[in-house]
Full PDB file with SEQRES, HELIX, SHEET, SSBOND, CRYST1, ORIGX, SCALE, CONECT and MASTER records, all heavy atoms in Angstrom:
SEQRES   1 A   38  PRO LEU GLY ARG THR ILE TYR ILE THR PRO PRO TYR THR          
SEQRES   2 A   38  ILE SER ASP ALA SER LEU GLU ARG ILE PHE LEU ALA LEU          
SEQRES   3 A   38  GLU LYS THR LEU LEU THR PHE LEU GLU THR GLU GLU              
HELIX    1 AA1 ASP A   16  GLU A   37  1                                  22    
CRYST1    1.000    1.000    1.000  90.00  90.00  90.00 P 1           1          
ORIGX1      1.000000  0.000000  0.000000        0.00000                         
ORIGX2      0.000000  1.000000  0.000000        0.00000                         
ORIGX3      0.000000  0.000000  1.000000        0.00000                         
SCALE1      1.000000  0.000000  0.000000        0.00000                         
SCALE2      0.000000  1.000000  0.000000        0.00000                         
SCALE3      0.000000  0.000000  1.000000        0.00000                         
ATOM      1  N   PRO A   1     124.872 152.042  70.298  1.00  0.00           N  
ATOM      2  CA  PRO A   1     126.191 152.518  69.964  1.00  0.00           C  
ATOM      3  C   PRO A   1     126.674 153.622  70.951  1.00  0.00           C  
ATOM      4  O   PRO A   1     125.919 154.365  71.528  1.00  0.00           O  
ATOM      5  CB  PRO A   1     126.021 153.093  68.556  1.00  0.00           C  
ATOM      6  CG  PRO A   1     124.852 152.383  67.994  1.00  0.00           C  
ATOM      7  CD  PRO A   1     123.958 152.158  69.185  1.00  0.00           C  
ATOM      8  N   LEU A   2     128.019 153.621  71.118  1.00  0.00           N  
ATOM      9  CA  LEU A   2     128.680 154.659  71.934  1.00  0.00           C  
ATOM     10  C   LEU A   2     129.135 155.768  71.019  1.00  0.00           C  
ATOM     11  O   LEU A   2     130.249 155.785  70.589  1.00  0.00           O  
ATOM     12  CB  LEU A   2     129.829 154.036  72.748  1.00  0.00           C  
ATOM     13  CG  LEU A   2     129.480 152.883  73.645  1.00  0.00           C  
ATOM     14  CD1 LEU A   2     130.711 152.126  74.067  1.00  0.00           C  
ATOM     15  CD2 LEU A   2     128.677 153.360  74.842  1.00  0.00           C  
ATOM     16  N   GLY A   3     128.230 156.669  70.658  1.00  0.00           N  
ATOM     17  CA  GLY A   3     128.556 157.647  69.653  1.00  0.00           C  
ATOM     18  C   GLY A   3     128.771 156.967  68.331  1.00  0.00           C  
ATOM     19  O   GLY A   3     127.959 156.173  67.867  1.00  0.00           O  
ATOM     20  N   ARG A   4     129.914 157.225  67.698  1.00  0.00           N  
ATOM     21  CA  ARG A   4     130.232 156.537  66.414  1.00  0.00           C  
ATOM     22  C   ARG A   4     130.856 155.214  66.571  1.00  0.00           C  
ATOM     23  O   ARG A   4     131.170 154.546  65.639  1.00  0.00           O  
ATOM     24  CB  ARG A   4     131.109 157.481  65.563  1.00  0.00           C  
ATOM     25  CG  ARG A   4     132.510 157.630  66.101  1.00  0.00           C  
ATOM     26  CD  ARG A   4     133.307 158.701  65.363  1.00  0.00           C  
ATOM     27  NE  ARG A   4     134.686 158.691  65.739  1.00  0.00           N  
ATOM     28  CZ  ARG A   4     135.671 158.231  65.004  1.00  0.00           C  
ATOM     29  NH1 ARG A   4     135.420 157.774  63.766  1.00  0.00           N  
ATOM     30  NH2 ARG A   4     136.940 158.263  65.386  1.00  0.00           N  
ATOM     31  N   THR A   5     131.042 154.768  67.843  1.00  0.00           N  
ATOM     32  CA  THR A   5     131.550 153.410  68.092  1.00  0.00           C  
ATOM     33  C   THR A   5     130.353 152.472  68.137  1.00  0.00           C  
ATOM     34  O   THR A   5     129.479 152.600  69.035  1.00  0.00           O  
ATOM     35  CB  THR A   5     132.306 153.407  69.420  1.00  0.00           C  
ATOM     36  OG1 THR A   5     133.437 154.231  69.384  1.00  0.00           O  
ATOM     37  CG2 THR A   5     132.786 151.924  69.705  1.00  0.00           C  
ATOM     38  N   ILE A   6     130.371 151.533  67.228  1.00  0.00           N  
ATOM     39  CA  ILE A   6     129.306 150.495  67.216  1.00  0.00           C  
ATOM     40  C   ILE A   6     129.938 149.193  67.732  1.00  0.00           C  
ATOM     41  O   ILE A   6     131.038 148.812  67.326  1.00  0.00           O  
ATOM     42  CB  ILE A   6     128.730 150.297  65.798  1.00  0.00           C  
ATOM     43  CG1 ILE A   6     128.069 151.583  65.311  1.00  0.00           C  
ATOM     44  CG2 ILE A   6     127.734 149.156  65.768  1.00  0.00           C  
ATOM     45  CD1 ILE A   6     128.951 152.522  64.571  1.00  0.00           C  
ATOM     46  N   TYR A   7     129.246 148.541  68.583  1.00  0.00           N  
ATOM     47  CA  TYR A   7     129.808 147.301  69.179  1.00  0.00           C  
ATOM     48  C   TYR A   7     128.686 146.335  69.436  1.00  0.00           C  
ATOM     49  O   TYR A   7     127.498 146.662  69.552  1.00  0.00           O  
ATOM     50  CB  TYR A   7     130.514 147.650  70.505  1.00  0.00           C  
ATOM     51  CG  TYR A   7     129.600 147.943  71.654  1.00  0.00           C  
ATOM     52  CD1 TYR A   7     129.189 146.871  72.517  1.00  0.00           C  
ATOM     53  CD2 TYR A   7     129.064 149.188  71.840  1.00  0.00           C  
ATOM     54  CE1 TYR A   7     128.299 147.154  73.561  1.00  0.00           C  
ATOM     55  CE2 TYR A   7     128.198 149.465  72.870  1.00  0.00           C  
ATOM     56  CZ  TYR A   7     127.800 148.459  73.737  1.00  0.00           C  
ATOM     57  OH  TYR A   7     126.929 148.702  74.741  1.00  0.00           O  
ATOM     58  N   ILE A   8     129.080 145.057  69.555  1.00  0.00           N  
ATOM     59  CA  ILE A   8     128.151 144.020  70.022  1.00  0.00           C  
ATOM     60  C   ILE A   8     128.840 143.224  71.111  1.00  0.00           C  
ATOM     61  O   ILE A   8     130.053 142.967  71.025  1.00  0.00           O  
ATOM     62  CB  ILE A   8     127.636 143.101  68.900  1.00  0.00           C  
ATOM     63  CG1 ILE A   8     128.742 142.259  68.301  1.00  0.00           C  
ATOM     64  CG2 ILE A   8     126.921 143.902  67.817  1.00  0.00           C  
ATOM     65  CD1 ILE A   8     128.243 141.196  67.360  1.00  0.00           C  
ATOM     66  N   THR A   9     128.125 142.912  72.119  1.00  0.00           N  
ATOM     67  CA  THR A   9     128.576 142.032  73.236  1.00  0.00           C  
ATOM     68  C   THR A   9     127.478 141.022  73.493  1.00  0.00           C  
ATOM     69  O   THR A   9     126.762 141.173  74.480  1.00  0.00           O  
ATOM     70  CB  THR A   9     128.890 142.862  74.486  1.00  0.00           C  
ATOM     71  OG1 THR A   9     127.766 143.678  74.792  1.00  0.00           O  
ATOM     72  CG2 THR A   9     130.127 143.706  74.317  1.00  0.00           C  
ATOM     73  N   PRO A  10     127.273 140.098  72.636  1.00  0.00           N  
ATOM     74  CA  PRO A  10     126.142 139.165  72.732  1.00  0.00           C  
ATOM     75  C   PRO A  10     126.348 138.148  73.847  1.00  0.00           C  
ATOM     76  O   PRO A  10     127.433 138.003  74.370  1.00  0.00           O  
ATOM     77  CB  PRO A  10     126.126 138.480  71.389  1.00  0.00           C  
ATOM     78  CG  PRO A  10     127.553 138.476  70.960  1.00  0.00           C  
ATOM     79  CD  PRO A  10     128.148 139.763  71.446  1.00  0.00           C  
ATOM     80  N   PRO A  11     125.293 137.455  74.240  1.00  0.00           N  
ATOM     81  CA  PRO A  11     125.450 136.386  75.206  1.00  0.00           C  
ATOM     82  C   PRO A  11     126.469 135.387  74.668  1.00  0.00           C  
ATOM     83  O   PRO A  11     126.567 135.142  73.484  1.00  0.00           O  
ATOM     84  CB  PRO A  11     124.061 135.751  75.275  1.00  0.00           C  
ATOM     85  CG  PRO A  11     123.124 136.858  74.846  1.00  0.00           C  
ATOM     86  CD  PRO A  11     123.864 137.634  73.817  1.00  0.00           C  
ATOM     87  N   TYR A  12     127.244 134.808  75.576  1.00  0.00           N  
ATOM     88  CA  TYR A  12     128.222 133.806  75.137  1.00  0.00           C  
ATOM     89  C   TYR A  12     127.584 132.635  74.399  1.00  0.00           C  
ATOM     90  O   TYR A  12     128.232 131.961  73.594  1.00  0.00           O  
ATOM     91  CB  TYR A  12     128.954 133.224  76.380  1.00  0.00           C  
ATOM     92  CG  TYR A  12     129.656 134.260  77.266  1.00  0.00           C  
ATOM     93  CD1 TYR A  12     129.962 133.927  78.576  1.00  0.00           C  
ATOM     94  CD2 TYR A  12     129.914 135.529  76.810  1.00  0.00           C  
ATOM     95  CE1 TYR A  12     130.571 134.869  79.412  1.00  0.00           C  
ATOM     96  CE2 TYR A  12     130.501 136.480  77.651  1.00  0.00           C  
ATOM     97  CZ  TYR A  12     130.861 136.150  78.969  1.00  0.00           C  
ATOM     98  OH  TYR A  12     131.457 137.065  79.784  1.00  0.00           O  
ATOM     99  N   THR A  13     126.327 132.416  74.683  1.00  0.00           N  
ATOM    100  CA  THR A  13     125.609 131.255  74.114  1.00  0.00           C  
ATOM    101  C   THR A  13     124.801 131.596  72.895  1.00  0.00           C  
ATOM    102  O   THR A  13     123.966 130.785  72.429  1.00  0.00           O  
ATOM    103  CB  THR A  13     124.668 130.696  75.183  1.00  0.00           C  
ATOM    104  OG1 THR A  13     123.820 131.784  75.678  1.00  0.00           O  
ATOM    105  CG2 THR A  13     125.439 130.099  76.361  1.00  0.00           C  
ATOM    106  N   ILE A  14     125.010 132.754  72.273  1.00  0.00           N  
ATOM    107  CA  ILE A  14     124.251 133.167  71.111  1.00  0.00           C  
ATOM    108  C   ILE A  14     124.353 132.137  69.960  1.00  0.00           C  
ATOM    109  O   ILE A  14     125.421 131.558  69.741  1.00  0.00           O  
ATOM    110  CB  ILE A  14     124.630 134.573  70.616  1.00  0.00           C  
ATOM    111  CG1 ILE A  14     123.640 135.090  69.586  1.00  0.00           C  
ATOM    112  CG2 ILE A  14     126.075 134.579  70.124  1.00  0.00           C  
ATOM    113  CD1 ILE A  14     123.884 136.562  69.232  1.00  0.00           C  
ATOM    114  N   SER A  15     123.261 131.955  69.288  1.00  0.00           N  
ATOM    115  CA  SER A  15     123.256 130.999  68.152  1.00  0.00           C  
ATOM    116  C   SER A  15     124.007 131.590  66.951  1.00  0.00           C  
ATOM    117  O   SER A  15     124.047 132.823  66.782  1.00  0.00           O  
ATOM    118  CB  SER A  15     121.838 130.601  67.778  1.00  0.00           C  
ATOM    119  OG  SER A  15     121.135 131.733  67.235  1.00  0.00           O  
ATOM    120  N   ASP A  16     124.465 130.711  66.074  1.00  0.00           N  
ATOM    121  CA  ASP A  16     125.126 131.181  64.837  1.00  0.00           C  
ATOM    122  C   ASP A  16     124.132 131.938  63.986  1.00  0.00           C  
ATOM    123  O   ASP A  16     124.532 132.954  63.352  1.00  0.00           O  
ATOM    124  CB  ASP A  16     125.634 129.966  64.073  1.00  0.00           C  
ATOM    125  CG  ASP A  16     126.791 129.275  64.749  1.00  0.00           C  
ATOM    126  OD1 ASP A  16     127.358 129.867  65.682  1.00  0.00           O  
ATOM    127  OD2 ASP A  16     127.158 128.147  64.332  1.00  0.00           O  
ATOM    128  N   ALA A  17     122.870 131.507  63.949  1.00  0.00           N  
ATOM    129  CA  ALA A  17     121.867 132.249  63.130  1.00  0.00           C  
ATOM    130  C   ALA A  17     121.641 133.650  63.610  1.00  0.00           C  
ATOM    131  O   ALA A  17     121.495 134.582  62.837  1.00  0.00           O  
ATOM    132  CB  ALA A  17     120.561 131.422  63.181  1.00  0.00           C  
ATOM    133  N   SER A  18     121.586 133.837  64.933  1.00  0.00           N  
ATOM    134  CA  SER A  18     121.383 135.200  65.485  1.00  0.00           C  
ATOM    135  C   SER A  18     122.554 136.051  65.214  1.00  0.00           C  
ATOM    136  O   SER A  18     122.475 137.237  64.907  1.00  0.00           O  
ATOM    137  CB  SER A  18     121.103 135.101  66.954  1.00  0.00           C  
ATOM    138  OG  SER A  18     119.817 134.495  67.231  1.00  0.00           O  
ATOM    139  N   LEU A  19     123.767 135.488  65.311  1.00  0.00           N  
ATOM    140  CA  LEU A  19     124.988 136.272  65.046  1.00  0.00           C  
ATOM    141  C   LEU A  19     124.995 136.707  63.614  1.00  0.00           C  
ATOM    142  O   LEU A  19     125.354 137.849  63.275  1.00  0.00           O  
ATOM    143  CB  LEU A  19     126.212 135.386  65.364  1.00  0.00           C  
ATOM    144  CG  LEU A  19     127.499 136.135  65.798  1.00  0.00           C  
ATOM    145  CD1 LEU A  19     127.259 137.047  66.965  1.00  0.00           C  
ATOM    146  CD2 LEU A  19     128.581 135.122  66.104  1.00  0.00           C  
ATOM    147  N   GLU A  20     124.589 135.798  62.711  1.00  0.00           N  
ATOM    148  CA  GLU A  20     124.509 136.130  61.296  1.00  0.00           C  
ATOM    149  C   GLU A  20     123.489 137.284  61.064  1.00  0.00           C  
ATOM    150  O   GLU A  20     123.788 138.171  60.296  1.00  0.00           O  
ATOM    151  CB  GLU A  20     124.100 134.883  60.499  1.00  0.00           C  
ATOM    152  CG  GLU A  20     124.058 135.067  59.033  1.00  0.00           C  
ATOM    153  CD  GLU A  20     125.432 135.159  58.376  1.00  0.00           C  
ATOM    154  OE1 GLU A  20     126.354 134.454  58.873  1.00  0.00           O  
ATOM    155  OE2 GLU A  20     125.577 135.915  57.413  1.00  0.00           O  
ATOM    156  N   ARG A  21     122.361 137.209  61.764  1.00  0.00           N  
ATOM    157  CA  ARG A  21     121.349 138.268  61.627  1.00  0.00           C  
ATOM    158  C   ARG A  21     121.883 139.626  62.045  1.00  0.00           C  
ATOM    159  O   ARG A  21     121.622 140.627  61.405  1.00  0.00           O  
ATOM    160  CB  ARG A  21     120.121 137.912  62.463  1.00  0.00           C  
ATOM    161  CG  ARG A  21     119.037 137.150  61.740  1.00  0.00           C  
ATOM    162  CD  ARG A  21     117.836 136.939  62.639  1.00  0.00           C  
ATOM    163  NE  ARG A  21     117.246 138.226  63.064  1.00  0.00           N  
ATOM    164  CZ  ARG A  21     116.276 138.347  64.010  1.00  0.00           C  
ATOM    165  NH1 ARG A  21     115.843 137.259  64.627  1.00  0.00           N  
ATOM    166  NH2 ARG A  21     115.782 139.514  64.318  1.00  0.00           N  
ATOM    167  N   ILE A  22     122.647 139.653  63.109  1.00  0.00           N  
ATOM    168  CA  ILE A  22     123.185 140.919  63.599  1.00  0.00           C  
ATOM    169  C   ILE A  22     124.144 141.531  62.583  1.00  0.00           C  
ATOM    170  O   ILE A  22     124.001 142.727  62.246  1.00  0.00           O  
ATOM    171  CB  ILE A  22     123.942 140.727  64.939  1.00  0.00           C  
ATOM    172  CG1 ILE A  22     122.991 140.280  66.051  1.00  0.00           C  
ATOM    173  CG2 ILE A  22     124.685 142.011  65.357  1.00  0.00           C  
ATOM    174  CD1 ILE A  22     123.684 139.798  67.374  1.00  0.00           C  
ATOM    175  N   PHE A  23     125.061 140.789  62.078  1.00  0.00           N  
ATOM    176  CA  PHE A  23     126.030 141.305  61.100  1.00  0.00           C  
ATOM    177  C   PHE A  23     125.343 141.688  59.814  1.00  0.00           C  
ATOM    178  O   PHE A  23     125.687 142.697  59.169  1.00  0.00           O  
ATOM    179  CB  PHE A  23     127.147 140.326  60.875  1.00  0.00           C  
ATOM    180  CG  PHE A  23     128.234 140.400  61.928  1.00  0.00           C  
ATOM    181  CD1 PHE A  23     128.180 139.606  63.065  1.00  0.00           C  
ATOM    182  CD2 PHE A  23     129.287 141.289  61.787  1.00  0.00           C  
ATOM    183  CE1 PHE A  23     129.163 139.692  64.012  1.00  0.00           C  
ATOM    184  CE2 PHE A  23     130.264 141.369  62.757  1.00  0.00           C  
ATOM    185  CZ  PHE A  23     130.182 140.569  63.879  1.00  0.00           C  
ATOM    186  N   LEU A  24     124.350 140.901  59.365  1.00  0.00           N  
ATOM    187  CA  LEU A  24     123.647 141.234  58.141  1.00  0.00           C  
ATOM    188  C   LEU A  24     122.885 142.555  58.326  1.00  0.00           C  
ATOM    189  O   LEU A  24     122.854 143.417  57.398  1.00  0.00           O  
ATOM    190  CB  LEU A  24     122.676 140.109  57.795  1.00  0.00           C  
ATOM    191  CG  LEU A  24     121.955 140.273  56.425  1.00  0.00           C  
ATOM    192  CD1 LEU A  24     122.985 140.298  55.302  1.00  0.00           C  
ATOM    193  CD2 LEU A  24     121.022 139.054  56.218  1.00  0.00           C  
ATOM    194  N   ALA A  25     122.254 142.759  59.511  1.00  0.00           N  
ATOM    195  CA  ALA A  25     121.490 143.938  59.755  1.00  0.00           C  
ATOM    196  C   ALA A  25     122.484 145.176  59.797  1.00  0.00           C  
ATOM    197  O   ALA A  25     122.132 146.258  59.263  1.00  0.00           O  
ATOM    198  CB  ALA A  25     120.753 143.846  61.070  1.00  0.00           C  
ATOM    199  N   LEU A  26     123.596 145.002  60.437  1.00  0.00           N  
ATOM    200  CA  LEU A  26     124.615 146.111  60.454  1.00  0.00           C  
ATOM    201  C   LEU A  26     125.038 146.419  59.060  1.00  0.00           C  
ATOM    202  O   LEU A  26     125.131 147.627  58.693  1.00  0.00           O  
ATOM    203  CB  LEU A  26     125.818 145.639  61.274  1.00  0.00           C  
ATOM    204  CG  LEU A  26     125.733 145.819  62.806  1.00  0.00           C  
ATOM    205  CD1 LEU A  26     126.963 145.158  63.467  1.00  0.00           C  
ATOM    206  CD2 LEU A  26     125.670 147.260  63.183  1.00  0.00           C  
ATOM    207  N   GLU A  27     125.305 145.419  58.238  1.00  0.00           N  
ATOM    208  CA  GLU A  27     125.787 145.629  56.882  1.00  0.00           C  
ATOM    209  C   GLU A  27     124.706 146.417  56.077  1.00  0.00           C  
ATOM    210  O   GLU A  27     125.068 147.415  55.427  1.00  0.00           O  
ATOM    211  CB  GLU A  27     126.082 144.312  56.223  1.00  0.00           C  
ATOM    212  CG  GLU A  27     126.541 144.420  54.783  1.00  0.00           C  
ATOM    213  CD  GLU A  27     126.669 143.046  54.127  1.00  0.00           C  
ATOM    214  OE1 GLU A  27     126.981 142.051  54.845  1.00  0.00           O  
ATOM    215  OE2 GLU A  27     126.454 142.966  52.915  1.00  0.00           O  
ATOM    216  N   LYS A  28     123.475 145.956  56.130  1.00  0.00           N  
ATOM    217  CA  LYS A  28     122.399 146.633  55.367  1.00  0.00           C  
ATOM    218  C   LYS A  28     122.181 148.059  55.852  1.00  0.00           C  
ATOM    219  O   LYS A  28     122.021 148.972  55.047  1.00  0.00           O  
ATOM    220  CB  LYS A  28     121.112 145.822  55.514  1.00  0.00           C  
ATOM    221  CG  LYS A  28     121.132 144.536  54.761  1.00  0.00           C  
ATOM    222  CD  LYS A  28     119.754 143.767  54.961  1.00  0.00           C  
ATOM    223  CE  LYS A  28     119.758 142.492  54.140  1.00  0.00           C  
ATOM    224  NZ  LYS A  28     118.440 141.762  54.342  1.00  0.00           N  
ATOM    225  N   THR A  29     122.239 148.233  57.151  1.00  0.00           N  
ATOM    226  CA  THR A  29     122.009 149.564  57.722  1.00  0.00           C  
ATOM    227  C   THR A  29     123.110 150.553  57.271  1.00  0.00           C  
ATOM    228  O   THR A  29     122.836 151.685  56.822  1.00  0.00           O  
ATOM    229  CB  THR A  29     121.967 149.519  59.234  1.00  0.00           C  
ATOM    230  OG1 THR A  29     120.857 148.708  59.636  1.00  0.00           O  
ATOM    231  CG2 THR A  29     121.853 150.885  59.873  1.00  0.00           C  
ATOM    232  N   LEU A  30     124.323 150.149  57.385  1.00  0.00           N  
ATOM    233  CA  LEU A  30     125.449 151.070  57.119  1.00  0.00           C  
ATOM    234  C   LEU A  30     125.582 151.294  55.567  1.00  0.00           C  
ATOM    235  O   LEU A  30     125.947 152.405  55.158  1.00  0.00           O  
ATOM    236  CB  LEU A  30     126.736 150.524  57.658  1.00  0.00           C  
ATOM    237  CG  LEU A  30     126.773 150.411  59.194  1.00  0.00           C  
ATOM    238  CD1 LEU A  30     128.138 149.935  59.691  1.00  0.00           C  
ATOM    239  CD2 LEU A  30     126.425 151.729  59.858  1.00  0.00           C  
ATOM    240  N   LEU A  31     125.266 150.304  54.777  1.00  0.00           N  
ATOM    241  CA  LEU A  31     125.260 150.510  53.325  1.00  0.00           C  
ATOM    242  C   LEU A  31     124.194 151.500  52.959  1.00  0.00           C  
ATOM    243  O   LEU A  31     124.408 152.301  52.025  1.00  0.00           O  
ATOM    244  CB  LEU A  31     125.064 149.162  52.596  1.00  0.00           C  
ATOM    245  CG  LEU A  31     126.265 148.227  52.613  1.00  0.00           C  
ATOM    246  CD1 LEU A  31     125.891 146.853  51.966  1.00  0.00           C  
ATOM    247  CD2 LEU A  31     127.475 148.858  51.905  1.00  0.00           C  
ATOM    248  N   THR A  32     123.069 151.480  53.616  1.00  0.00           N  
ATOM    249  CA  THR A  32     122.000 152.446  53.365  1.00  0.00           C  
ATOM    250  C   THR A  32     122.447 153.854  53.738  1.00  0.00           C  
ATOM    251  O   THR A  32     122.189 154.812  53.010  1.00  0.00           O  
ATOM    252  CB  THR A  32     120.728 152.099  54.190  1.00  0.00           C  
ATOM    253  OG1 THR A  32     120.259 150.790  53.808  1.00  0.00           O  
ATOM    254  CG2 THR A  32     119.663 153.074  53.994  1.00  0.00           C  
ATOM    255  N   PHE A  33     123.216 153.953  54.836  1.00  0.00           N  
ATOM    256  CA  PHE A  33     123.770 155.248  55.222  1.00  0.00           C  
ATOM    257  C   PHE A  33     124.705 155.783  54.118  1.00  0.00           C  
ATOM    258  O   PHE A  33     124.697 156.950  53.812  1.00  0.00           O  
ATOM    259  CB  PHE A  33     124.542 155.110  56.551  1.00  0.00           C  
ATOM    260  CG  PHE A  33     123.641 155.275  57.766  1.00  0.00           C  
ATOM    261  CD1 PHE A  33     122.588 154.446  58.009  1.00  0.00           C  
ATOM    262  CD2 PHE A  33     123.914 156.330  58.670  1.00  0.00           C  
ATOM    263  CE1 PHE A  33     121.774 154.612  59.148  1.00  0.00           C  
ATOM    264  CE2 PHE A  33     123.110 156.502  59.770  1.00  0.00           C  
ATOM    265  CZ  PHE A  33     122.051 155.643  60.003  1.00  0.00           C  
ATOM    266  N   LEU A  34     125.547 154.878  53.594  1.00  0.00           N  
ATOM    267  CA  LEU A  34     126.494 155.254  52.585  1.00  0.00           C  
ATOM    268  C   LEU A  34     125.758 155.732  51.308  1.00  0.00           C  
ATOM    269  O   LEU A  34     126.141 156.751  50.709  1.00  0.00           O  
ATOM    270  CB  LEU A  34     127.419 154.071  52.233  1.00  0.00           C  
ATOM    271  CG  LEU A  34     128.524 153.764  53.225  1.00  0.00           C  
ATOM    272  CD1 LEU A  34     129.259 152.525  52.802  1.00  0.00           C  
ATOM    273  CD2 LEU A  34     129.462 154.924  53.383  1.00  0.00           C  
ATOM    274  N   GLU A  35     124.728 155.057  50.946  1.00  0.00           N  
ATOM    275  CA  GLU A  35     123.952 155.410  49.741  1.00  0.00           C  
ATOM    276  C   GLU A  35     123.296 156.784  49.932  1.00  0.00           C  
ATOM    277  O   GLU A  35     123.256 157.612  49.035  1.00  0.00           O  
ATOM    278  CB  GLU A  35     122.889 154.354  49.452  1.00  0.00           C  
ATOM    279  CG  GLU A  35     123.445 153.017  49.028  1.00  0.00           C  
ATOM    280  CD  GLU A  35     122.408 151.939  48.964  1.00  0.00           C  
ATOM    281  OE1 GLU A  35     121.226 152.235  49.308  1.00  0.00           O  
ATOM    282  OE2 GLU A  35     122.739 150.808  48.625  1.00  0.00           O  
ATOM    283  N   THR A  36     122.833 157.051  51.172  1.00  0.00           N  
ATOM    284  CA  THR A  36     122.207 158.321  51.461  1.00  0.00           C  
ATOM    285  C   THR A  36     123.231 159.472  51.348  1.00  0.00           C  
ATOM    286  O   THR A  36     122.954 160.536  50.849  1.00  0.00           O  
ATOM    287  CB  THR A  36     121.589 158.305  52.865  1.00  0.00           C  
ATOM    288  OG1 THR A  36     120.667 157.241  52.957  1.00  0.00           O  
ATOM    289  CG2 THR A  36     120.939 159.628  53.220  1.00  0.00           C  
ATOM    290  N   GLU A  37     124.451 159.190  51.841  1.00  0.00           N  
ATOM    291  CA  GLU A  37     125.493 160.207  51.766  1.00  0.00           C  
ATOM    292  C   GLU A  37     125.866 160.503  50.288  1.00  0.00           C  
ATOM    293  O   GLU A  37     126.137 161.677  49.968  1.00  0.00           O  
ATOM    294  CB  GLU A  37     126.728 159.703  52.549  1.00  0.00           C  
ATOM    295  CG  GLU A  37     126.586 159.684  54.048  1.00  0.00           C  
ATOM    296  CD  GLU A  37     127.790 159.132  54.772  1.00  0.00           C  
ATOM    297  OE1 GLU A  37     128.777 158.763  54.042  1.00  0.00           O  
ATOM    298  OE2 GLU A  37     127.785 159.078  55.986  1.00  0.00           O  
ATOM    299  N   GLU A  38     125.910 159.470  49.483  1.00  0.00           N  
ATOM    300  CA  GLU A  38     126.273 159.659  48.104  1.00  0.00           C  
ATOM    301  C   GLU A  38     125.214 160.486  47.346  1.00  0.00           C  
ATOM    302  O   GLU A  38     125.506 161.250  46.455  1.00  0.00           O  
ATOM    303  CB  GLU A  38     126.468 158.287  47.430  1.00  0.00           C  
ATOM    304  CG  GLU A  38     127.709 157.562  47.899  1.00  0.00           C  
ATOM    305  CD  GLU A  38     127.771 156.167  47.364  1.00  0.00           C  
ATOM    306  OE1 GLU A  38     126.854 155.724  46.664  1.00  0.00           O  
ATOM    307  OE2 GLU A  38     128.762 155.432  47.696  1.00  0.00           O  
TER     308      GLU A  38                                                      
MASTER        0    0    0    1    0    0    0    6  307    1    0    3          
END                                                                             
């Protein structure tokens, strides 16, 4: 991440399964951060 800017620039040929894994990991990670803040 670029500070608080989170980005992905995957290979153009990335599989659907890998793309799904990235977004799921981001979701779980950030939800954990939210729970910690609460």
